[in-house]
Amino acid sequence: MKQLFILLMALTALKSNGQLLTATRAKHLEECTVRISVNGGQSIGTGFFIDPRGIVLTCFHVITPCLKYNAKTKLFEIGSIQIETHDGEKIEYSPLGELSNAADTLSIYDVCILVPKISTSKSTPFLKIGNFSNVADGDEVVTCGYPFGSRNSFMTRGMIGSKTVDTIFQKHTDGSVSKTLRNEALIDITMNKGNSGGAIYKIGDNESQDEVVGIADFIITPVGNDIVALGDSLKASNQSGSYATIMGINPNKAMDMIVTTLANSSDGVSGCISIEYLQHLIAIANKAKH
């Protein structure tokens, strides 16, 4: 009887761990994940294919360094956005649709759909878009991305620590302030600068149930806003030249390196945004002709 009980417990454990990131599933996630380079490397982020035609999803903040608003035309001038696939192919991309009327909303939800500038008949692997409501606190998830602009993708595994709702405040040109509620989740997973835009991927009981439930969006450090404020102060100080060197060493620059390291590395707690807002954007993408 005791042996039977142990056997049942072992089978239960195997079933509970049945959502395994097998080699096949890991390879698929890697092949669907792309490295995004903005303005020749001014910003490096992550994205992933959501359609066999090569449509890519990423965070809006990943591409903002290449957006310049023209007050005369009231349009955005878009710089270079290049994605690099897992096998090394480099392709020029552009944001889907007109940004002038959508930038505020895209910024609030921090999402962006990119499409190749030149259409191709080549089919790309892609990730299934799921639903944020399909994941709960304690569920295991994985992500794949390009931390610190690495040339190689890096995969990490963790769990949903806490689903939450954040209030995003936005100040408008007329001085008014609006607020928007945004579904998010804190995740016990390692992410760093460069992971933004990667898929937060829930592994199902079988491959057909694997799905994207969120987008890697932010990291949490022990020093948080204080390190950002210190970084801004150091930049201002260096630009004004208000520093004294010690034995030929600029202490501000040395401290700036420390600040950069702390600000760009998570302390085991990272965050994602819900995938739900993207449903209508995906519908638009599906109608796009390339």
C-alpha atoms as a PDB file:
ATOM      1  CA  MET A   1       0.000   0.000   0.000  1.00  0.00           C
ATOM      2  CA  LYS A   2       2.830   2.324   0.898  1.00  0.00           C
ATOM      3  CA  GLN A   3       4.559   1.582  -2.427  1.00  0.00           C
ATOM      4  CA  LEU A   4       1.322   2.307  -4.303  1.00  0.00           C
ATOM      5  CA  PHE A   5       0.974   5.629  -2.488  1.00  0.00           C
ATOM      6  CA  ILE A   6       4.554   6.593  -3.384  1.00  0.00           C
ATOM      7  CA  LEU A   7       3.916   5.653  -7.021  1.00  0.00           C
ATOM      8  CA  LEU A   8       0.753   7.772  -7.128  1.00  0.00           C
ATOM      9  CA  MET A   9       2.626  10.714  -5.606  1.00  0.00           C
ATOM     10  CA  ALA A  10       5.387  10.362  -8.192  1.00  0.00           C
ATOM     11  CA  LEU A  11       2.885  10.269 -11.044  1.00  0.00           C
ATOM     12  CA  THR A  12       1.137  13.324  -9.611  1.00  0.00           C
ATOM     13  CA  ALA A  13       4.447  15.171  -9.456  1.00  0.00           C
ATOM     14  CA  LEU A  14       5.211  14.277 -13.047  1.00  0.00           C
ATOM     15  CA  LYS A  15       1.781  15.519 -14.121  1.00  0.00           C
ATOM     16  CA  SER A  16       2.133  18.744 -12.151  1.00  0.00           C
ATOM     17  CA  ASN A  17       5.474  19.290 -13.839  1.00  0.00           C
ATOM     18  CA  GLY A  18       4.059  18.228 -17.182  1.00  0.00           C
ATOM     19  CA  GLN A  19       4.237  21.766 -18.517  1.00  0.00           C
ATOM     20  CA  LEU A  20       7.842  21.168 -19.451  1.00  0.00           C
ATOM     21  CA  LEU A  21       9.788  23.530 -21.643  1.00  0.00           C
ATOM     22  CA  THR A  22      11.001  20.727 -23.885  1.00  0.00           C
ATOM     23  CA  ALA A  23      13.783  21.224 -26.410  1.00  0.00           C
ATOM     24  CA  THR A  24      11.221  21.471 -29.206  1.00  0.00           C
ATOM     25  CA  ARG A  25       9.167  24.094 -27.387  1.00  0.00           C
ATOM     26  CA  ALA A  26      12.247  26.068 -26.374  1.00  0.00           C
ATOM     27  CA  LYS A  27      13.475  26.080 -29.968  1.00  0.00           C
ATOM     28  CA  HIS A  28      10.109  27.353 -31.182  1.00  0.00           C
ATOM     29  CA  LEU A  29      10.161  30.202 -28.655  1.00  0.00           C
ATOM     30  CA  GLU A  30      13.686  31.151 -29.686  1.00  0.00           C
ATOM     31  CA  GLU A  31      12.852  31.050 -33.397  1.00  0.00           C
ATOM     32  CA  CYS A  32       9.854  33.330 -32.832  1.00  0.00           C
ATOM     33  CA  THR A  33      11.859  35.869 -30.812  1.00  0.00           C
ATOM     34  CA  VAL A  34      13.695  38.693 -32.600  1.00  0.00           C
ATOM     35  CA  ARG A  35      16.312  41.270 -31.671  1.00  0.00           C
ATOM     36  CA  ILE A  36      15.242  44.860 -32.390  1.00  0.00           C
ATOM     37  CA  SER A  37      17.844  47.534 -33.127  1.00  0.00           C
ATOM     38  CA  VAL A  38      16.721  51.168 -33.338  1.00  0.00           C
ATOM     39  CA  ASN A  39      18.747  53.866 -35.108  1.00  0.00           C
ATOM     40  CA  GLY A  40      21.743  51.617 -35.570  1.00  0.00           C
ATOM     41  CA  GLY A  41      21.852  50.466 -31.963  1.00  0.00           C
ATOM     42  CA  GLN A  42      20.676  53.579 -30.100  1.00  0.00           C
ATOM     43  CA  SER A  43      18.113  51.313 -28.499  1.00  0.00           C
ATOM     44  CA  ILE A  44      18.123  47.511 -28.350  1.00  0.00           C
ATOM     45  CA  GLY A  45      15.046  45.519 -27.442  1.00  0.00           C
ATOM     46  CA  THR A  46      13.143  42.334 -28.071  1.00  0.00           C
ATOM     47  CA  GLY A  47      10.081  41.420 -30.088  1.00  0.00           C
ATOM     48  CA  PHE A  48       8.331  38.304 -31.316  1.00  0.00           C
ATOM     49  CA  PHE A  49       6.468  37.120 -34.382  1.00  0.00           C
ATOM     50  CA  ILE A  50       2.681  36.932 -34.042  1.00  0.00           C
ATOM     51  CA  ASP A  51       1.869  36.089 -37.645  1.00  0.00           C
ATOM     52  CA  PRO A  52       3.348  33.918 -40.424  1.00  0.00           C
ATOM     53  CA  ARG A  53       3.803  37.081 -42.517  1.00  0.00           C
ATOM     54  CA  GLY A  54       6.454  38.354 -40.148  1.00  0.00           C
ATOM     55  CA  ILE A  55       4.391  40.795 -38.087  1.00  0.00           C
ATOM     56  CA  VAL A  56       6.263  41.608 -34.875  1.00  0.00           C
ATOM     57  CA  LEU A  57       4.994  42.710 -31.475  1.00  0.00           C
ATOM     58  CA  THR A  58       7.136  44.737 -29.074  1.00  0.00           C
ATOM     59  CA  CYS A  59       6.956  47.535 -26.489  1.00  0.00           C
ATOM     60  CA  PHE A  60       6.348  51.063 -27.721  1.00  0.00           C
ATOM     61  CA  HIS A  61       9.194  52.402 -25.586  1.00  0.00           C
ATOM     62  CA  VAL A  62      11.643  50.192 -27.491  1.00  0.00           C
ATOM     63  CA  ILE A  63      11.115  52.186 -30.708  1.00  0.00           C
ATOM     64  CA  THR A  64      10.514  55.695 -29.306  1.00  0.00           C
ATOM     65  CA  PRO A  65      14.193  56.743 -29.722  1.00  0.00           C
ATOM     66  CA  CYS A  66      13.654  56.699 -33.500  1.00  0.00           C
ATOM     67  CA  LEU A  67      10.453  58.765 -33.429  1.00  0.00           C
ATOM     68  CA  LYS A  68      10.692  62.508 -34.007  1.00  0.00           C
ATOM     69  CA  TYR A  69       7.522  64.578 -34.032  1.00  0.00           C
ATOM     70  CA  ASN A  70       7.275  67.179 -36.785  1.00  0.00           C
ATOM     71  CA  ALA A  71       5.152  70.051 -35.482  1.00  0.00           C
ATOM     72  CA  LYS A  72       4.524  71.405 -38.985  1.00  0.00           C
ATOM     73  CA  THR A  73       3.218  68.215 -40.538  1.00  0.00           C
ATOM     74  CA  LYS A  74       1.927  66.891 -37.195  1.00  0.00           C
ATOM     75  CA  LEU A  75       3.410  63.537 -38.134  1.00  0.00           C
ATOM     76  CA  PHE A  76       6.187  61.395 -36.725  1.00  0.00           C
ATOM     77  CA  GLU A  77       9.399  61.046 -38.686  1.00  0.00           C
ATOM     78  CA  ILE A  78      10.555  57.478 -38.198  1.00  0.00           C
ATOM     79  CA  GLY A  79      14.195  56.474 -38.103  1.00  0.00           C
ATOM     80  CA  SER A  80      15.684  53.032 -38.632  1.00  0.00           C
ATOM     81  CA  ILE A  81      14.069  49.956 -37.079  1.00  0.00           C
ATOM     82  CA  GLN A  82      15.830  46.704 -37.873  1.00  0.00           C
ATOM     83  CA  ILE A  83      14.941  43.276 -36.579  1.00  0.00           C
ATOM     84  CA  GLU A  84      17.325  40.353 -36.554  1.00  0.00           C
ATOM     85  CA  THR A  85      15.894  36.857 -36.583  1.00  0.00           C
ATOM     86  CA  HIS A  86      17.213  33.887 -34.648  1.00  0.00           C
ATOM     87  CA  ASP A  87      19.096  32.681 -37.725  1.00  0.00           C
ATOM     88  CA  GLY A  88      20.780  36.072 -38.270  1.00  0.00           C
ATOM     89  CA  GLU A  89      18.624  37.565 -41.034  1.00  0.00           C
ATOM     90  CA  LYS A  90      18.276  41.364 -40.761  1.00  0.00           C
ATOM     91  CA  ILE A  91      15.091  43.050 -41.995  1.00  0.00           C
ATOM     92  CA  GLU A  92      13.953  46.679 -41.999  1.00  0.00           C
ATOM     93  CA  TYR A  93      10.625  47.280 -40.241  1.00  0.00           C
ATOM     94  CA  SER A  94       8.240  50.150 -39.580  1.00  0.00           C
ATOM     95  CA  PRO A  95       5.364  50.724 -37.121  1.00  0.00           C
ATOM     96  CA  LEU A  96       1.943  49.645 -38.301  1.00  0.00           C
ATOM     97  CA  GLY A  97      -0.461  52.486 -39.060  1.00  0.00           C
ATOM     98  CA  GLU A  98      -0.336  56.227 -38.478  1.00  0.00           C
ATOM     99  CA  LEU A  99       1.262  57.166 -35.149  1.00  0.00           C
ATOM    100  CA  SER A 100       0.110  60.782 -34.855  1.00  0.00           C
ATOM    101  CA  ASN A 101      -3.305  59.855 -33.463  1.00  0.00           C
ATOM    102  CA  ALA A 102      -2.246  56.640 -31.756  1.00  0.00           C
ATOM    103  CA  ALA A 103       1.028  57.527 -30.019  1.00  0.00           C
ATOM    104  CA  ASP A 104      -0.583  58.512 -26.705  1.00  0.00           C
ATOM    105  CA  THR A 105      -2.543  55.279 -26.473  1.00  0.00           C
ATOM    106  CA  LEU A 106       0.418  53.165 -27.552  1.00  0.00           C
ATOM    107  CA  SER A 107       2.547  54.900 -24.951  1.00  0.00           C
ATOM    108  CA  ILE A 108       0.036  54.246 -22.159  1.00  0.00           C
ATOM    109  CA  TYR A 109      -0.262  50.553 -22.975  1.00  0.00           C
ATOM    110  CA  ASP A 110       3.364  50.415 -24.156  1.00  0.00           C
ATOM    111  CA  VAL A 111       2.699  48.200 -27.151  1.00  0.00           C
ATOM    112  CA  CYS A 112       3.581  48.459 -30.811  1.00  0.00           C
ATOM    113  CA  ILE A 113       3.124  46.315 -33.893  1.00  0.00           C
ATOM    114  CA  LEU A 114       5.886  46.351 -36.492  1.00  0.00           C
ATOM    115  CA  VAL A 115       5.610  45.204 -40.096  1.00  0.00           C
ATOM    116  CA  PRO A 116       8.356  44.544 -42.659  1.00  0.00           C
ATOM    117  CA  LYS A 117       8.941  47.399 -45.098  1.00  0.00           C
ATOM    118  CA  ILE A 118       9.215  44.965 -47.978  1.00  0.00           C
ATOM    119  CA  SER A 119       6.758  42.091 -48.180  1.00  0.00           C
ATOM    120  CA  THR A 120       8.049  38.575 -48.546  1.00  0.00           C
ATOM    121  CA  SER A 121       6.517  35.226 -49.339  1.00  0.00           C
ATOM    122  CA  LYS A 122       8.657  33.600 -46.673  1.00  0.00           C
ATOM    123  CA  SER A 123       6.594  32.247 -43.787  1.00  0.00           C
ATOM    124  CA  THR A 124       7.792  32.888 -40.247  1.00  0.00           C
ATOM    125  CA  PRO A 125       7.169  30.844 -37.111  1.00  0.00           C
ATOM    126  CA  PHE A 126       4.971  32.688 -34.636  1.00  0.00           C
ATOM    127  CA  LEU A 127       3.614  32.546 -31.097  1.00  0.00           C
ATOM    128  CA  LYS A 128      -0.029  32.033 -30.259  1.00  0.00           C
ATOM    129  CA  ILE A 129      -1.616  35.043 -28.560  1.00  0.00           C
ATOM    130  CA  GLY A 130      -3.497  33.990 -25.446  1.00  0.00           C
ATOM    131  CA  ASN A 131      -5.364  35.870 -22.764  1.00  0.00           C
ATOM    132  CA  PHE A 132      -4.123  37.518 -19.578  1.00  0.00           C
ATOM    133  CA  SER A 133      -7.038  35.982 -17.688  1.00  0.00           C
ATOM    134  CA  ASN A 134      -5.626  32.525 -18.456  1.00  0.00           C
ATOM    135  CA  VAL A 135      -2.712  33.057 -16.080  1.00  0.00           C
ATOM    136  CA  ALA A 136      -2.932  33.246 -12.282  1.00  0.00           C
ATOM    137  CA  ASP A 137      -0.615  33.968  -9.374  1.00  0.00           C
ATOM    138  CA  GLY A 138       1.796  31.064  -9.026  1.00  0.00           C
ATOM    139  CA  ASP A 139       1.642  29.969 -12.671  1.00  0.00           C
ATOM    140  CA  GLU A 140       4.986  29.276 -14.310  1.00  0.00           C
ATOM    141  CA  VAL A 141       6.009  31.365 -17.310  1.00  0.00           C
ATOM    142  CA  VAL A 142       9.087  31.723 -19.497  1.00  0.00           C
ATOM    143  CA  THR A 143      10.498  34.595 -21.530  1.00  0.00           C
ATOM    144  CA  CYS A 144      13.114  34.895 -24.216  1.00  0.00           C
ATOM    145  CA  GLY A 145      14.968  38.059 -25.119  1.00  0.00           C
ATOM    146  CA  TYR A 146      18.192  39.918 -25.738  1.00  0.00           C
ATOM    147  CA  PRO A 147      19.333  41.334 -22.368  1.00  0.00           C
ATOM    148  CA  PHE A 148      21.915  44.126 -22.549  1.00  0.00           C
ATOM    149  CA  GLY A 149      21.732  43.975 -26.348  1.00  0.00           C
ATOM    150  CA  SER A 150      23.279  40.511 -26.440  1.00  0.00           C
ATOM    151  CA  ARG A 151      23.722  39.002 -29.887  1.00  0.00           C
ATOM    152  CA  ASN A 152      22.337  35.724 -28.570  1.00  0.00           C
ATOM    153  CA  SER A 153      18.844  35.235 -27.200  1.00  0.00           C
ATOM    154  CA  PHE A 154      18.561  34.245 -23.561  1.00  0.00           C
ATOM    155  CA  MET A 155      15.691  32.315 -21.998  1.00  0.00           C
ATOM    156  CA  THR A 156      14.599  32.485 -18.364  1.00  0.00           C
ATOM    157  CA  ARG A 157      11.871  30.823 -16.351  1.00  0.00           C
ATOM    158  CA  GLY A 158       9.864  32.079 -13.383  1.00  0.00           C
ATOM    159  CA  MET A 159       6.349  32.482 -12.081  1.00  0.00           C
ATOM    160  CA  ILE A 160       3.601  35.054 -11.815  1.00  0.00           C
ATOM    161  CA  GLY A 161       4.060  36.610  -8.403  1.00  0.00           C
ATOM    162  CA  SER A 162       1.094  38.946  -8.392  1.00  0.00           C
ATOM    163  CA  LYS A 163      -1.402  40.162 -10.947  1.00  0.00           C
ATOM    164  CA  THR A 164      -2.261  43.783 -10.378  1.00  0.00           C
ATOM    165  CA  VAL A 165      -3.819  46.875 -11.905  1.00  0.00           C
ATOM    166  CA  ASP A 166      -1.679  49.998 -12.273  1.00  0.00           C
ATOM    167  CA  THR A 167      -2.930  53.547 -12.788  1.00  0.00           C
ATOM    168  CA  ILE A 168      -1.161  55.342 -15.626  1.00  0.00           C
ATOM    169  CA  PHE A 169      -1.346  59.145 -15.477  1.00  0.00           C
ATOM    170  CA  GLN A 170      -0.862  61.206 -18.621  1.00  0.00           C
ATOM    171  CA  LYS A 171      -0.556  64.988 -18.858  1.00  0.00           C
ATOM    172  CA  HIS A 172      -1.994  66.596 -21.983  1.00  0.00           C
ATOM    173  CA  THR A 173      -0.964  69.772 -23.801  1.00  0.00           C
ATOM    174  CA  ASP A 174      -3.946  71.673 -22.369  1.00  0.00           C
ATOM    175  CA  GLY A 175      -2.723  70.932 -18.861  1.00  0.00           C
ATOM    176  CA  SER A 176      -5.342  68.320 -18.070  1.00  0.00           C
ATOM    177  CA  VAL A 177      -4.381  64.923 -16.669  1.00  0.00           C
ATOM    178  CA  SER A 178      -6.072  61.666 -17.555  1.00  0.00           C
ATOM    179  CA  LYS A 179      -5.658  58.297 -15.945  1.00  0.00           C
ATOM    180  CA  THR A 180      -5.909  54.826 -17.403  1.00  0.00           C
ATOM    181  CA  LEU A 181      -6.044  51.489 -15.634  1.00  0.00           C
ATOM    182  CA  ARG A 182      -3.581  48.940 -17.015  1.00  0.00           C
ATOM    183  CA  ASN A 183      -3.460  45.235 -16.180  1.00  0.00           C
ATOM    184  CA  GLU A 184       0.007  44.113 -15.185  1.00  0.00           C
ATOM    185  CA  ALA A 185       1.773  41.333 -13.346  1.00  0.00           C
ATOM    186  CA  LEU A 186       4.846  41.217 -11.161  1.00  0.00           C
ATOM    187  CA  ILE A 187       6.952  38.206 -12.063  1.00  0.00           C
ATOM    188  CA  ASP A 188       9.637  36.317 -10.164  1.00  0.00           C
ATOM    189  CA  ILE A 189      11.867  36.074 -13.224  1.00  0.00           C
ATOM    190  CA  THR A 190      15.195  37.517 -14.304  1.00  0.00           C
ATOM    191  CA  MET A 191      14.949  40.273 -16.897  1.00  0.00           C
ATOM    192  CA  ASN A 192      17.316  43.088 -17.744  1.00  0.00           C
ATOM    193  CA  LYS A 193      17.508  46.052 -20.094  1.00  0.00           C
ATOM    194  CA  GLY A 194      16.964  44.674 -23.587  1.00  0.00           C
ATOM    195  CA  ASN A 195      14.324  42.143 -22.531  1.00  0.00           C
ATOM    196  CA  SER A 196      11.550  44.687 -23.115  1.00  0.00           C
ATOM    197  CA  GLY A 197       9.117  43.521 -25.772  1.00  0.00           C
ATOM    198  CA  GLY A 198       9.703  39.827 -25.246  1.00  0.00           C
ATOM    199  CA  ALA A 199       6.843  37.380 -24.811  1.00  0.00           C
ATOM    200  CA  ILE A 200       5.736  36.264 -21.373  1.00  0.00           C
ATOM    201  CA  TYR A 201       4.886  32.722 -22.362  1.00  0.00           C
ATOM    202  CA  LYS A 202       2.730  30.281 -20.440  1.00  0.00           C
ATOM    203  CA  ILE A 203       3.505  26.617 -21.098  1.00  0.00           C
ATOM    204  CA  GLY A 204       0.326  24.570 -21.400  1.00  0.00           C
ATOM    205  CA  ASP A 205      -0.363  20.893 -20.866  1.00  0.00           C
ATOM    206  CA  ASN A 206       0.569  20.362 -24.516  1.00  0.00           C
ATOM    207  CA  GLU A 207       2.153  22.441 -27.273  1.00  0.00           C
ATOM    208  CA  SER A 208      -1.191  23.559 -28.673  1.00  0.00           C
ATOM    209  CA  GLN A 209      -1.956  25.228 -25.322  1.00  0.00           C
ATOM    210  CA  ASP A 210       1.268  27.253 -25.131  1.00  0.00           C
ATOM    211  CA  GLU A 211       0.387  30.960 -25.367  1.00  0.00           C
ATOM    212  CA  VAL A 212       1.556  34.513 -24.839  1.00  0.00           C
ATOM    213  CA  VAL A 213      -0.145  36.071 -21.814  1.00  0.00           C
ATOM    214  CA  GLY A 214       1.896  39.237 -21.462  1.00  0.00           C
ATOM    215  CA  ILE A 215       4.769  41.359 -22.744  1.00  0.00           C
ATOM    216  CA  ALA A 216       8.010  41.909 -20.827  1.00  0.00           C
ATOM    217  CA  ASP A 217       7.880  45.583 -19.944  1.00  0.00           C
ATOM    218  CA  PHE A 218       9.724  46.694 -16.809  1.00  0.00           C
ATOM    219  CA  ILE A 219      12.176  45.673 -14.119  1.00  0.00           C
ATOM    220  CA  ILE A 220      12.262  46.463 -10.433  1.00  0.00           C
ATOM    221  CA  THR A 221      15.467  47.359  -8.612  1.00  0.00           C
ATOM    222  CA  PRO A 222      16.025  47.817  -4.862  1.00  0.00           C
ATOM    223  CA  VAL A 223      16.734  51.515  -5.336  1.00  0.00           C
ATOM    224  CA  GLY A 224      13.998  52.231  -7.861  1.00  0.00           C
ATOM    225  CA  ASN A 225      13.256  55.888  -8.542  1.00  0.00           C
ATOM    226  CA  ASP A 226      16.190  57.071  -6.412  1.00  0.00           C
ATOM    227  CA  ILE A 227      18.720  55.567  -8.810  1.00  0.00           C
ATOM    228  CA  VAL A 228      16.955  57.183 -11.771  1.00  0.00           C
ATOM    229  CA  ALA A 229      17.076  60.594 -10.062  1.00  0.00           C
ATOM    230  CA  LEU A 230      20.752  60.095  -9.226  1.00  0.00           C
ATOM    231  CA  GLY A 231      21.469  59.162 -12.831  1.00  0.00           C
ATOM    232  CA  ASP A 232      19.778  62.327 -14.097  1.00  0.00           C
ATOM    233  CA  SER A 233      21.796  64.431 -11.651  1.00  0.00           C
ATOM    234  CA  LEU A 234      25.051  62.825 -12.752  1.00  0.00           C
ATOM    235  CA  LYS A 235      24.269  63.458 -16.422  1.00  0.00           C
ATOM    236  CA  ALA A 236      23.523  67.112 -15.728  1.00  0.00           C
ATOM    237  CA  SER A 237      26.705  67.436 -13.690  1.00  0.00           C
ATOM    238  CA  ASN A 238      28.862  65.855 -16.388  1.00  0.00           C
ATOM    239  CA  GLN A 239      27.343  68.039 -19.109  1.00  0.00           C
ATOM    240  CA  SER A 240      28.045  71.208 -17.129  1.00  0.00           C
ATOM    241  CA  GLY A 241      31.578  70.074 -16.276  1.00  0.00           C
ATOM    242  CA  SER A 242      30.974  70.626 -12.561  1.00  0.00           C
ATOM    243  CA  TYR A 243      33.221  67.929 -11.189  1.00  0.00           C
ATOM    244  CA  ALA A 244      36.754  67.492  -9.928  1.00  0.00           C
ATOM    245  CA  THR A 245      38.931  64.584 -10.999  1.00  0.00           C
ATOM    246  CA  ILE A 246      40.761  62.497  -8.429  1.00  0.00           C
ATOM    247  CA  MET A 247      44.078  61.176  -9.734  1.00  0.00           C
ATOM    248  CA  GLY A 248      42.739  61.630 -13.250  1.00  0.00           C
ATOM    249  CA  ILE A 249      39.510  59.770 -12.528  1.00  0.00           C
ATOM    250  CA  ASN A 250      36.131  61.434 -12.914  1.00  0.00           C
ATOM    251  CA  PRO A 251      34.157  60.172  -9.878  1.00  0.00           C
ATOM    252  CA  ASN A 252      30.878  61.202 -11.519  1.00  0.00           C
ATOM    253  CA  LYS A 253      31.518  58.924 -14.474  1.00  0.00           C
ATOM    254  CA  ALA A 254      32.560  56.081 -12.199  1.00  0.00           C
ATOM    255  CA  MET A 255      29.359  56.496 -10.203  1.00  0.00           C
ATOM    256  CA  ASP A 256      27.396  56.732 -13.446  1.00  0.00           C
ATOM    257  CA  MET A 257      28.589  53.248 -14.410  1.00  0.00           C
ATOM    258  CA  ILE A 258      27.353  51.902 -11.068  1.00  0.00           C
ATOM    259  CA  VAL A 259      24.016  53.670 -11.488  1.00  0.00           C
ATOM    260  CA  THR A 260      23.615  52.281 -15.008  1.00  0.00           C
ATOM    261  CA  THR A 261      24.270  48.744 -13.784  1.00  0.00           C
ATOM    262  CA  LEU A 262      21.763  49.030 -10.939  1.00  0.00           C
ATOM    263  CA  ALA A 263      19.100  50.696 -13.066  1.00  0.00           C
ATOM    264  CA  ASN A 264      19.250  48.144 -15.859  1.00  0.00           C
ATOM    265  CA  SER A 265      19.288  44.940 -13.825  1.00  0.00           C
ATOM    266  CA  SER A 266      16.334  43.368 -12.055  1.00  0.00           C
ATOM    267  CA  ASP A 267      16.517  42.069  -8.515  1.00  0.00           C
ATOM    268  CA  GLY A 268      14.542  38.938  -9.334  1.00  0.00           C
ATOM    269  CA  VAL A 269      11.315  40.931  -9.671  1.00  0.00           C
ATOM    270  CA  SER A 270      10.229  42.061 -13.108  1.00  0.00           C
ATOM    271  CA  GLY A 271       6.946  43.023 -14.687  1.00  0.00           C
ATOM    272  CA  CYS A 272       4.795  42.460 -17.728  1.00  0.00           C
ATOM    273  CA  ILE A 273       1.787  44.142 -19.252  1.00  0.00           C
ATOM    274  CA  SER A 274      -1.353  42.316 -20.237  1.00  0.00           C
ATOM    275  CA  ILE A 275      -1.710  41.016 -23.767  1.00  0.00           C
ATOM    276  CA  GLU A 276      -5.430  41.821 -23.825  1.00  0.00           C
ATOM    277  CA  TYR A 277      -5.196  45.353 -25.220  1.00  0.00           C
ATOM    278  CA  LEU A 278      -3.524  43.973 -28.324  1.00  0.00           C
ATOM    279  CA  GLN A 279      -6.531  42.108 -29.639  1.00  0.00           C
ATOM    280  CA  HIS A 280      -7.819  45.002 -31.730  1.00  0.00           C
ATOM    281  CA  LEU A 281      -4.282  45.888 -32.838  1.00  0.00           C
ATOM    282  CA  ILE A 282      -3.809  42.326 -34.023  1.00  0.00           C
ATOM    283  CA  ALA A 283      -7.096  42.558 -35.904  1.00  0.00           C
ATOM    284  CA  ILE A 284      -5.711  45.626 -37.675  1.00  0.00           C
ATOM    285  CA  ALA A 285      -2.466  43.808 -38.397  1.00  0.00           C
ATOM    286  CA  ASN A 286      -4.292  40.866 -39.876  1.00  0.00           C
ATOM    287  CA  LYS A 287      -5.944  43.200 -42.381  1.00  0.00           C
ATOM    288  CA  ALA A 288      -2.677  44.854 -43.321  1.00  0.00           C
ATOM    289  CA  LYS A 289      -1.322  44.126 -46.792  1.00  0.00           C
ATOM    290  CA  HIS A 290       2.384  43.767 -47.260  1.00  0.00           C
END
